[in-house]
Protein backbone atom coordinates (compact mmCIF):
# COMPACT_ATOMS: atom_id res chain seq x y z
CA MET A 1 10.83 -11.41 10.94
CA ASN A 2 8.22 -8.72 10.74
CA THR A 3 6.44 -8.08 7.07
CA THR A 4 4.15 -5.52 5.56
CA THR A 5 2.85 -6.45 2.16
CA ILE A 6 1.05 -3.36 -0.21
CA ARG A 7 -1.35 -4.53 -2.50
CA THR A 8 -2.35 -2.89 -5.93
CA SER A 9 -3.90 -3.33 -9.60
CA SER A 10 -2.03 -0.10 -10.63
CA LYS A 11 1.12 -0.06 -12.09
CA ASN A 12 1.16 3.81 -11.87
CA LEU A 13 0.38 3.46 -8.03
CA TYR A 14 3.11 0.63 -7.39
CA GLU A 15 5.77 2.17 -9.75
CA ARG A 16 4.91 5.41 -7.27
CA ILE A 17 4.68 3.50 -3.53
CA HIS A 18 7.91 1.07 -5.48
CA ASN A 19 9.78 4.80 -5.52
CA TYR A 20 8.41 6.19 -2.41
CA ILE A 21 9.49 3.43 -0.53
CA LYS A 22 13.49 2.85 -2.19
CA ASN A 23 13.98 7.20 -1.43
CA LYS A 24 12.56 6.09 2.30
CA ARG A 25 15.79 3.26 2.16
CA ILE A 26 13.81 0.24 3.18
CA SER A 27 14.14 -3.45 2.82
CA PHE A 28 11.64 -4.67 0.33
CA VAL A 29 11.03 -7.31 -2.94
CA PRO A 30 8.51 -6.37 -5.41
CA SER A 31 6.82 -8.59 -6.90
CA ILE A 32 4.42 -8.73 -10.12
CA SER A 33 1.75 -11.64 -10.99
CA ASN A 34 -0.90 -11.55 -13.75
CA ASN A 35 -1.75 -7.59 -13.63
CA SER A 36 -1.43 -7.54 -9.79
CA TYR A 37 1.36 -5.64 -7.98
CA ALA A 38 2.57 -6.27 -4.53
CA ILE A 39 5.34 -4.68 -2.07
CA THR A 40 6.64 -7.00 0.67
CA LEU A 41 8.74 -4.69 3.24
CA PHE A 42 10.81 -6.00 6.13
CA GLY A 43 12.08 -5.23 9.14
CA LEU A 44 9.13 -2.59 10.44
CA ASP A 45 7.47 -3.35 13.79
CA LYS A 46 3.75 -2.67 13.76
CA LYS A 47 4.24 0.57 14.63
CA GLU A 48 6.67 1.34 12.25
CA ALA A 49 4.84 0.60 9.47
CA ASP A 50 1.70 1.98 10.69
CA THR A 51 3.08 5.40 10.31
CA LEU A 52 4.29 4.46 7.02
CA ILE A 53 1.07 3.83 5.97
CA THR A 54 -0.20 7.00 7.22
CA LYS A 55 2.67 8.53 5.62
CA MET A 56 1.61 7.01 2.20
CA THR A 57 -1.76 7.52 2.41
CA ARG A 58 -1.35 11.13 2.58
CA HIS A 59 1.58 11.96 0.32
CA PHE A 60 -0.49 10.11 -2.59
CA HIS A 61 -3.97 11.55 -1.43
CA LEU A 62 -5.39 8.56 -0.53
CA ARG A 63 -7.92 7.02 2.25
CA LYS A 64 -7.91 3.41 3.11
CA MET A 65 -9.71 0.91 1.13
CA ILE A 66 -13.30 0.09 3.33
CA SER A 67 -14.98 -3.22 2.61
CA GLN A 68 -17.39 -4.55 -0.41
CA GLU A 69 -20.58 -4.07 1.66
CA ALA A 70 -19.52 0.01 2.89
CA GLN A 71 -19.16 1.21 -0.43
CA VAL A 72 -22.73 0.67 -1.17
CA GLY A 73 -24.06 4.19 -2.27
CA ARG A 74 -20.53 5.75 -1.98
CA ASP A 75 -18.80 7.99 -4.11
CA THR A 76 -15.85 5.93 -5.94
CA SER A 77 -14.28 8.34 -7.85
CA ARG A 78 -11.83 8.94 -5.05
CA PRO A 79 -8.89 5.97 -5.42
CA TYR A 80 -8.65 3.99 -2.30
CA TRP A 81 -5.37 3.06 -0.80
CA PRO A 82 -4.74 -0.33 -1.64
CA THR A 83 -4.37 -3.85 0.25
CA ALA A 84 -2.24 -3.74 3.05
CA SER A 85 -1.72 -6.21 5.90
CA ALA A 86 1.03 -6.69 7.98
CA ALA A 87 2.50 -10.45 9.10
């Protein structure tokens, strides 16, 4: 079974993503641990997961997270997309 996990440290963003996923009627399991929030999605293949992440990025006006090395000297005032991984 394919899974995709979305992680964030922002409670507000977690709640917004949680509601978005719930409204899309996608199977998921939420988890919260020590100010770290995660939502694991089930039943999406790689293409469906990529499409969903692209739509969510646009919907919430976010950008994909970049590595720490690439952030040096970069404007950090805009929000970044939480870490997402497909397994």
